[in-house]
Amino acid sequence: METTATILETAQQRAREMGLPYKGALLPIEAYRVLQESMQAQLVDVRSRAELDWVGRIPGATEIELRSYPGMHPNPGFLDQLAGQVDKSLPVLFICRSGARSNQAAAIASEADFTDCYNILEGFEGDKDESGHRGSASGWKAAGLPWVQS
């Protein structure tokens, strides 16, 4: 069984291979294992309030919008909110719908001296399936990880 350390090493190697500007890239199941086994790891969900309300939430996640619905305008207070709610010296795992905004959030945070940032690849809902729907092909929900609906 993989340890948290080996999972993070794999994520860091993946980030180097992908040329990412932050420490690591985790698959949803890897992120869940890290969150379960490390009291220090912090999960930040950067989806909009509308997504959280309509699609579902991850219990225990810190919720800070990167972009706000409607219009998906950038949240000008993102970094201040992040700095006020998480410890920048500890691992911060970012998640969004499909991995794009969380990629952006991890990059922004890394530039702002958050030294231990990870993106959760595939995000909460993952890619669209053959029917054009999210939530069953990949991502946190499809992996059967804990979440709740409003």
N, C-alpha and C. Protein backbone atom coordinates (compact mmCIF):
# COMPACT_ATOMS: atom_id res chain seq x y z
N MET A 1 0.84 -1.20 0.00
CA MET A 1 0.00 0.00 0.00
C MET A 1 0.88 1.25 0.00
N GLU A 2 0.53 2.18 -0.86
CA GLU A 2 1.32 3.41 -0.95
C GLU A 2 1.18 4.26 0.30
N THR A 3 2.28 4.89 0.68
CA THR A 3 2.24 5.82 1.81
C THR A 3 1.93 7.22 1.28
N THR A 4 1.57 8.12 2.18
CA THR A 4 1.34 9.51 1.80
C THR A 4 2.58 10.07 1.11
N ALA A 5 3.75 9.74 1.65
CA ALA A 5 5.01 10.25 1.06
C ALA A 5 5.18 9.78 -0.38
N THR A 6 4.90 8.50 -0.66
CA THR A 6 5.07 8.01 -2.03
C THR A 6 4.01 8.58 -2.96
N ILE A 7 2.79 8.78 -2.44
CA ILE A 7 1.74 9.41 -3.26
C ILE A 7 2.18 10.84 -3.64
N LEU A 8 2.69 11.59 -2.68
CA LEU A 8 3.13 12.96 -2.96
C LEU A 8 4.34 12.98 -3.89
N GLU A 9 5.25 12.03 -3.74
CA GLU A 9 6.39 11.94 -4.67
C GLU A 9 5.91 11.70 -6.10
N THR A 10 4.94 10.79 -6.26
CA THR A 10 4.36 10.51 -7.58
C THR A 10 3.71 11.77 -8.14
N ALA A 11 2.97 12.49 -7.30
CA ALA A 11 2.30 13.73 -7.73
C ALA A 11 3.32 14.79 -8.14
N GLN A 12 4.42 14.86 -7.42
CA GLN A 12 5.47 15.84 -7.74
C GLN A 12 6.16 15.48 -9.06
N GLN A 13 6.42 14.19 -9.27
CA GLN A 13 7.00 13.73 -10.53
C GLN A 13 6.05 14.03 -11.69
N ARG A 14 4.76 13.79 -11.49
CA ARG A 14 3.74 14.05 -12.51
C ARG A 14 3.74 15.53 -12.88
N ALA A 15 3.83 16.40 -11.86
CA ALA A 15 3.84 17.85 -12.11
C ALA A 15 5.07 18.25 -12.92
N ARG A 16 6.23 17.66 -12.58
CA ARG A 16 7.45 17.97 -13.34
C ARG A 16 7.29 17.54 -14.79
N GLU A 17 6.76 16.34 -15.00
CA GLU A 17 6.58 15.82 -16.36
C GLU A 17 5.60 16.68 -17.16
N MET A 18 4.60 17.23 -16.47
CA MET A 18 3.59 18.06 -17.14
C MET A 18 4.02 19.52 -17.24
N GLY A 19 5.17 19.85 -16.65
CA GLY A 19 5.67 21.23 -16.69
C GLY A 19 4.82 22.20 -15.90
N LEU A 20 4.26 21.76 -14.77
CA LEU A 20 3.36 22.59 -13.98
C LEU A 20 4.13 23.51 -13.03
N PRO A 21 3.59 24.70 -12.76
CA PRO A 21 4.30 25.69 -11.94
C PRO A 21 4.08 25.54 -10.44
N TYR A 22 3.57 24.40 -10.02
CA TYR A 22 3.33 24.15 -8.59
C TYR A 22 3.85 22.77 -8.25
N LYS A 23 3.74 22.39 -6.98
CA LYS A 23 4.46 21.22 -6.47
C LYS A 23 3.99 19.88 -7.02
N GLY A 24 2.66 19.68 -7.16
CA GLY A 24 2.22 18.36 -7.58
C GLY A 24 0.83 18.30 -8.16
N ALA A 25 0.54 17.18 -8.83
CA ALA A 25 -0.77 16.93 -9.44
C ALA A 25 -1.23 15.55 -8.99
N LEU A 26 -2.37 15.54 -8.30
CA LEU A 26 -2.91 14.31 -7.71
C LEU A 26 -4.16 13.84 -8.43
N LEU A 27 -4.33 12.53 -8.53
CA LEU A 27 -5.60 11.97 -8.96
C LEU A 27 -6.55 12.04 -7.76
N PRO A 28 -7.87 12.04 -7.98
CA PRO A 28 -8.80 12.17 -6.86
C PRO A 28 -8.57 11.16 -5.73
N ILE A 29 -8.38 9.89 -6.07
CA ILE A 29 -8.19 8.89 -5.02
C ILE A 29 -6.90 9.14 -4.25
N GLU A 30 -5.86 9.63 -4.93
CA GLU A 30 -4.61 9.96 -4.25
C GLU A 30 -4.83 11.14 -3.29
N ALA A 31 -5.56 12.14 -3.76
CA ALA A 31 -5.84 13.31 -2.92
C ALA A 31 -6.61 12.89 -1.67
N TYR A 32 -7.60 12.03 -1.85
CA TYR A 32 -8.39 11.56 -0.73
C TYR A 32 -7.52 10.84 0.29
N ARG A 33 -6.62 9.97 -0.20
CA ARG A 33 -5.71 9.25 0.70
C ARG A 33 -4.83 10.23 1.48
N VAL A 34 -4.28 11.23 0.81
CA VAL A 34 -3.45 12.22 1.47
C VAL A 34 -4.26 12.95 2.54
N LEU A 35 -5.48 13.36 2.20
CA LEU A 35 -6.33 14.08 3.16
C LEU A 35 -6.69 13.20 4.36
N GLN A 36 -6.87 11.90 4.12
CA GLN A 36 -7.22 10.98 5.21
C GLN A 36 -6.03 10.71 6.12
N GLU A 37 -4.84 10.64 5.54
CA GLU A 37 -3.67 10.20 6.28
C GLU A 37 -2.80 11.33 6.81
N SER A 38 -2.98 12.54 6.30
CA SER A 38 -2.17 13.66 6.76
C SER A 38 -3.06 14.71 7.40
N MET A 39 -2.89 14.91 8.69
CA MET A 39 -3.68 15.93 9.39
C MET A 39 -3.32 17.33 8.90
N GLN A 40 -2.19 17.45 8.21
CA GLN A 40 -1.73 18.76 7.77
C GLN A 40 -2.29 19.17 6.42
N ALA A 41 -2.67 18.22 5.57
CA ALA A 41 -3.15 18.55 4.23
C ALA A 41 -4.49 19.29 4.30
N GLN A 42 -4.64 20.31 3.47
CA GLN A 42 -5.83 21.16 3.46
C GLN A 42 -6.46 21.11 2.07
N LEU A 43 -7.77 20.90 2.01
CA LEU A 43 -8.49 20.85 0.74
C LEU A 43 -9.21 22.17 0.51
N VAL A 44 -8.95 22.80 -0.65
CA VAL A 44 -9.62 24.05 -1.00
C VAL A 44 -10.40 23.82 -2.29
N ASP A 45 -11.72 23.98 -2.20
CA ASP A 45 -12.61 23.85 -3.35
C ASP A 45 -12.83 25.24 -3.92
N VAL A 46 -12.41 25.46 -5.17
CA VAL A 46 -12.47 26.80 -5.78
C VAL A 46 -13.66 26.97 -6.72
N ARG A 47 -14.63 26.04 -6.66
CA ARG A 47 -15.81 26.19 -7.51
C ARG A 47 -16.67 27.34 -7.02
N SER A 48 -17.59 27.78 -7.89
CA SER A 48 -18.49 28.89 -7.55
C SER A 48 -19.53 28.42 -6.53
N ARG A 49 -20.12 29.40 -5.82
CA ARG A 49 -21.18 29.08 -4.85
C ARG A 49 -22.31 28.31 -5.54
N ALA A 50 -22.66 28.70 -6.75
CA ALA A 50 -23.73 28.02 -7.48
C ALA A 50 -23.38 26.54 -7.69
N GLU A 51 -22.15 26.25 -8.08
CA GLU A 51 -21.75 24.85 -8.28
C GLU A 51 -21.83 24.08 -6.97
N LEU A 52 -21.35 24.69 -5.90
CA LEU A 52 -21.38 24.03 -4.59
C LEU A 52 -22.82 23.73 -4.18
N ASP A 53 -23.71 24.70 -4.38
CA ASP A 53 -25.11 24.54 -3.99
C ASP A 53 -25.85 23.53 -4.87
N TRP A 54 -25.61 23.58 -6.17
CA TRP A 54 -26.38 22.76 -7.11
C TRP A 54 -25.79 21.39 -7.38
N VAL A 55 -24.45 21.29 -7.37
CA VAL A 55 -23.80 20.05 -7.78
C VAL A 55 -23.39 19.19 -6.58
N GLY A 56 -22.90 19.83 -5.55
CA GLY A 56 -22.49 19.09 -4.36
C GLY A 56 -21.22 19.63 -3.75
N ARG A 57 -21.00 19.26 -2.50
CA ARG A 57 -19.86 19.74 -1.72
C ARG A 57 -19.05 18.57 -1.19
N ILE A 58 -17.79 18.85 -0.88
CA ILE A 58 -16.93 17.86 -0.23
C ILE A 58 -16.87 18.23 1.24
N PRO A 59 -17.33 17.34 2.12
CA PRO A 59 -17.31 17.65 3.56
C PRO A 59 -15.90 18.02 4.03
N GLY A 60 -15.81 19.10 4.78
CA GLY A 60 -14.53 19.52 5.34
C GLY A 60 -13.68 20.40 4.45
N ALA A 61 -14.08 20.59 3.20
CA ALA A 61 -13.29 21.43 2.30
C ALA A 61 -13.47 22.91 2.65
N THR A 62 -12.40 23.67 2.49
CA THR A 62 -12.48 25.12 2.58
C THR A 62 -12.99 25.60 1.22
N GLU A 63 -14.03 26.41 1.20
CA GLU A 63 -14.64 26.84 -0.07
C GLU A 63 -14.28 28.31 -0.34
N ILE A 64 -13.50 28.53 -1.40
CA ILE A 64 -13.11 29.89 -1.80
C ILE A 64 -13.26 29.98 -3.32
N GLU A 65 -14.22 30.76 -3.77
CA GLU A 65 -14.44 30.89 -5.21
C GLU A 65 -13.22 31.50 -5.90
N LEU A 66 -12.80 30.88 -7.00
CA LEU A 66 -11.79 31.51 -7.85
C LEU A 66 -12.50 32.44 -8.84
N ARG A 67 -13.67 31.99 -9.29
CA ARG A 67 -14.51 32.78 -10.20
C ARG A 67 -15.95 32.70 -9.70
N SER A 68 -16.70 33.77 -9.86
CA SER A 68 -18.06 33.84 -9.33
C SER A 68 -19.11 33.73 -10.42
N TYR A 69 -20.18 33.02 -10.10
CA TYR A 69 -21.32 32.84 -10.99
C TYR A 69 -22.33 33.95 -10.69
N PRO A 70 -23.06 34.50 -11.65
CA PRO A 70 -22.92 34.24 -13.10
C PRO A 70 -21.77 35.07 -13.68
N GLY A 71 -21.39 34.76 -14.86
CA GLY A 71 -20.36 35.52 -15.55
C GLY A 71 -18.96 34.98 -15.33
N MET A 72 -18.77 34.20 -14.27
CA MET A 72 -17.48 33.61 -13.95
C MET A 72 -16.36 34.66 -13.91
N HIS A 73 -16.66 35.78 -13.27
CA HIS A 73 -15.67 36.85 -13.11
C HIS A 73 -14.69 36.46 -12.02
N PRO A 74 -13.40 36.79 -12.19
CA PRO A 74 -12.40 36.45 -11.18
C PRO A 74 -12.75 37.06 -9.82
N ASN A 75 -12.47 36.32 -8.77
CA ASN A 75 -12.66 36.78 -7.39
C ASN A 75 -11.42 37.60 -7.02
N PRO A 76 -11.56 38.94 -6.90
CA PRO A 76 -10.39 39.77 -6.61
C PRO A 76 -9.81 39.50 -5.22
N GLY A 77 -10.59 38.92 -4.33
CA GLY A 77 -10.12 38.65 -2.99
C GLY A 77 -9.60 37.23 -2.78
N PHE A 78 -9.42 36.48 -3.88
CA PHE A 78 -9.05 35.07 -3.75
C PHE A 78 -7.81 34.85 -2.87
N LEU A 79 -6.73 35.51 -3.18
CA LEU A 79 -5.49 35.28 -2.42
C LEU A 79 -5.62 35.70 -0.95
N ASP A 80 -6.29 36.83 -0.69
CA ASP A 80 -6.49 37.27 0.69
C ASP A 80 -7.34 36.25 1.46
N GLN A 81 -8.40 35.75 0.81
CA GLN A 81 -9.25 34.76 1.46
C GLN A 81 -8.47 33.48 1.72
N LEU A 82 -7.67 33.07 0.74
CA LEU A 82 -6.86 31.87 0.88
C LEU A 82 -5.89 32.03 2.05
N ALA A 83 -5.18 33.15 2.08
CA ALA A 83 -4.21 33.40 3.15
C ALA A 83 -4.88 33.43 4.52
N GLY A 84 -6.12 33.88 4.58
CA GLY A 84 -6.84 33.95 5.83
C GLY A 84 -7.42 32.63 6.31
N GLN A 85 -7.52 31.64 5.39
CA GLN A 85 -8.21 30.40 5.75
C GLN A 85 -7.36 29.14 5.72
N VAL A 86 -6.18 29.22 5.14
CA VAL A 86 -5.31 28.05 5.12
C VAL A 86 -3.90 28.44 5.57
N ASP A 87 -3.14 27.46 6.00
CA ASP A 87 -1.76 27.67 6.43
C ASP A 87 -0.86 27.47 5.21
N LYS A 88 -0.20 28.55 4.77
CA LYS A 88 0.59 28.46 3.55
C LYS A 88 1.83 27.59 3.70
N SER A 89 2.19 27.21 4.92
CA SER A 89 3.37 26.35 5.11
C SER A 89 3.02 24.86 5.01
N LEU A 90 1.72 24.56 4.94
CA LEU A 90 1.27 23.16 4.86
C LEU A 90 0.73 22.85 3.46
N PRO A 91 0.63 21.56 3.12
CA PRO A 91 0.11 21.21 1.79
C PRO A 91 -1.31 21.72 1.57
N VAL A 92 -1.52 22.33 0.39
CA VAL A 92 -2.84 22.82 0.00
C VAL A 92 -3.23 22.10 -1.29
N LEU A 93 -4.36 21.38 -1.25
CA LEU A 93 -4.86 20.64 -2.40
C LEU A 93 -6.06 21.39 -2.96
N PHE A 94 -5.99 21.76 -4.24
CA PHE A 94 -7.06 22.53 -4.87
C PHE A 94 -7.90 21.62 -5.76
N ILE A 95 -9.23 21.84 -5.71
CA ILE A 95 -10.15 21.10 -6.57
C ILE A 95 -11.18 22.06 -7.15
N CYS A 96 -11.64 21.77 -8.38
CA CYS A 96 -12.73 22.53 -9.01
C CYS A 96 -13.62 21.52 -9.74
N ARG A 97 -14.31 21.92 -10.77
CA ARG A 97 -15.19 21.00 -11.49
C ARG A 97 -14.41 19.93 -12.24
N SER A 98 -13.42 20.37 -13.05
CA SER A 98 -12.73 19.41 -13.92
C SER A 98 -11.20 19.50 -13.85
N GLY A 99 -10.68 20.38 -13.03
CA GLY A 99 -9.23 20.49 -12.88
C GLY A 99 -8.60 21.73 -13.48
N ALA A 100 -9.37 22.52 -14.25
CA ALA A 100 -8.79 23.70 -14.91
C ALA A 100 -8.65 24.90 -13.96
N ARG A 101 -9.73 25.24 -13.25
CA ARG A 101 -9.63 26.36 -12.30
C ARG A 101 -8.72 26.03 -11.14
N SER A 102 -8.73 24.77 -10.69
CA SER A 102 -7.85 24.39 -9.58
C SER A 102 -6.39 24.43 -10.03
N ASN A 103 -6.12 24.14 -11.30
CA ASN A 103 -4.79 24.29 -11.87
C ASN A 103 -4.37 25.76 -11.77
N GLN A 104 -5.28 26.64 -12.17
CA GLN A 104 -5.02 28.08 -12.11
C GLN A 104 -4.83 28.54 -10.65
N ALA A 105 -5.67 28.05 -9.76
CA ALA A 105 -5.57 28.43 -8.34
C ALA A 105 -4.24 27.98 -7.74
N ALA A 106 -3.81 26.76 -8.06
CA ALA A 106 -2.53 26.25 -7.55
C ALA A 106 -1.37 27.09 -8.07
N ALA A 107 -1.46 27.51 -9.34
CA ALA A 107 -0.40 28.35 -9.92
C ALA A 107 -0.37 29.73 -9.25
N ILE A 108 -1.54 30.34 -9.08
CA ILE A 108 -1.65 31.66 -8.44
C ILE A 108 -1.11 31.59 -7.01
N ALA A 109 -1.52 30.57 -6.26
CA ALA A 109 -1.08 30.42 -4.88
C ALA A 109 0.43 30.19 -4.80
N SER A 110 0.96 29.39 -5.73
CA SER A 110 2.40 29.13 -5.74
C SER A 110 3.19 30.41 -5.97
N GLU A 111 2.69 31.26 -6.86
CA GLU A 111 3.34 32.55 -7.11
C GLU A 111 3.31 33.45 -5.89
N ALA A 112 2.32 33.22 -5.00
CA ALA A 112 2.13 34.06 -3.80
C ALA A 112 2.73 33.40 -2.55
N ASP A 113 3.76 32.60 -2.74
CA ASP A 113 4.51 32.00 -1.63
C ASP A 113 3.80 30.89 -0.88
N PHE A 114 2.79 30.28 -1.48
CA PHE A 114 2.26 29.03 -0.94
C PHE A 114 3.15 27.96 -1.59
N THR A 115 4.01 27.34 -0.81
CA THR A 115 5.08 26.51 -1.38
C THR A 115 4.69 25.06 -1.61
N ASP A 116 3.54 24.63 -1.11
CA ASP A 116 3.19 23.21 -1.14
C ASP A 116 1.81 23.01 -1.76
N CYS A 117 1.65 23.45 -3.03
CA CYS A 117 0.35 23.42 -3.71
C CYS A 117 0.23 22.22 -4.64
N TYR A 118 -0.96 21.62 -4.61
CA TYR A 118 -1.28 20.48 -5.47
C TYR A 118 -2.61 20.72 -6.15
N ASN A 119 -2.69 20.32 -7.43
CA ASN A 119 -3.95 20.36 -8.15
C ASN A 119 -4.52 18.94 -8.15
N ILE A 120 -5.84 18.84 -7.96
CA ILE A 120 -6.50 17.54 -8.08
C ILE A 120 -7.01 17.42 -9.51
N LEU A 121 -6.30 16.59 -10.27
CA LEU A 121 -6.64 16.34 -11.67
C LEU A 121 -8.05 15.75 -11.75
N GLU A 122 -8.74 16.03 -12.82
CA GLU A 122 -10.11 15.55 -13.08
C GLU A 122 -11.16 16.32 -12.29
N GLY A 123 -10.79 16.93 -11.15
CA GLY A 123 -11.72 17.73 -10.38
C GLY A 123 -12.84 16.93 -9.73
N PHE A 124 -13.90 17.65 -9.37
CA PHE A 124 -15.04 17.06 -8.67
C PHE A 124 -15.90 16.23 -9.62
N GLU A 125 -16.16 16.76 -10.81
CA GLU A 125 -17.06 16.09 -11.76
C GLU A 125 -16.36 15.40 -12.91
N GLY A 126 -15.10 15.75 -13.16
CA GLY A 126 -14.35 15.10 -14.23
C GLY A 126 -14.79 15.52 -15.62
N ASP A 127 -14.35 14.71 -16.58
CA ASP A 127 -14.66 14.97 -17.98
C ASP A 127 -16.08 14.55 -18.31
N LYS A 128 -16.57 15.05 -19.44
CA LYS A 128 -17.90 14.64 -19.91
C LYS A 128 -17.83 13.21 -20.44
N ASP A 129 -18.92 12.48 -20.22
CA ASP A 129 -19.01 11.12 -20.77
C ASP A 129 -19.54 11.18 -22.20
N GLU A 130 -19.81 10.01 -22.79
CA GLU A 130 -20.26 9.97 -24.19
C GLU A 130 -21.60 10.67 -24.38
N SER A 131 -22.36 10.86 -23.31
CA SER A 131 -23.64 11.56 -23.40
C SER A 131 -23.50 13.06 -23.14
N GLY A 132 -22.27 13.50 -22.86
CA GLY A 132 -22.05 14.91 -22.59
C GLY A 132 -22.29 15.31 -21.14
N HIS A 133 -22.38 14.32 -20.25
CA HIS A 133 -22.62 14.59 -18.83
C HIS A 133 -21.35 14.38 -18.01
N ARG A 134 -21.20 15.18 -16.97
CA ARG A 134 -20.07 15.02 -16.06
C ARG A 134 -20.50 14.22 -14.84
N GLY A 135 -19.52 13.72 -14.10
CA GLY A 135 -19.78 13.08 -12.82
C GLY A 135 -19.72 11.56 -12.84
N SER A 136 -19.59 10.96 -14.02
CA SER A 136 -19.55 9.50 -14.06
C SER A 136 -18.30 8.94 -14.74
N ALA A 137 -17.64 9.73 -15.59
CA ALA A 137 -16.49 9.23 -16.34
C ALA A 137 -15.19 9.32 -15.54
N SER A 138 -15.02 10.39 -14.78
CA SER A 138 -13.80 10.59 -14.02
C SER A 138 -14.09 11.62 -12.92
N GLY A 139 -13.11 11.89 -12.08
CA GLY A 139 -13.28 12.88 -11.04
C GLY A 139 -13.62 12.30 -9.68
N TRP A 140 -13.74 13.21 -8.71
CA TRP A 140 -14.00 12.87 -7.30
C TRP A 140 -15.28 12.05 -7.14
N LYS A 141 -16.39 12.53 -7.75
CA LYS A 141 -17.68 11.83 -7.63
C LYS A 141 -17.61 10.43 -8.23
N ALA A 142 -17.05 10.33 -9.44
CA ALA A 142 -16.98 9.04 -10.14
C ALA A 142 -16.12 8.04 -9.38
N ALA A 143 -15.13 8.54 -8.61
CA ALA A 143 -14.27 7.67 -7.82
C ALA A 143 -14.97 7.17 -6.55
N GLY A 144 -16.19 7.67 -6.30
CA GLY A 144 -16.96 7.23 -5.15
C GLY A 144 -16.46 7.82 -3.83
N LEU A 145 -15.81 8.99 -3.90
CA LEU A 145 -15.28 9.64 -2.70
C LEU A 145 -16.38 10.46 -2.02
N PRO A 146 -16.22 10.78 -0.75
CA PRO A 146 -17.30 11.45 0.00
C PRO A 146 -17.70 12.82 -0.56
N TRP A 147 -19.00 13.02 -0.67
CA TRP A 147 -19.56 14.32 -1.05
C TRP A 147 -21.01 14.35 -0.62
N VAL A 148 -21.53 15.55 -0.52
CA VAL A 148 -22.92 15.73 -0.11
C VAL A 148 -23.61 16.70 -1.08
N GLN A 149 -24.91 16.51 -1.23
CA GLN A 149 -25.70 17.39 -2.08
C GLN A 149 -26.59 18.28 -1.21
N SER A 150 -26.77 19.53 -1.64
CA SER A 150 -27.60 20.46 -0.87
C SER A 150 -29.06 20.04 -0.90
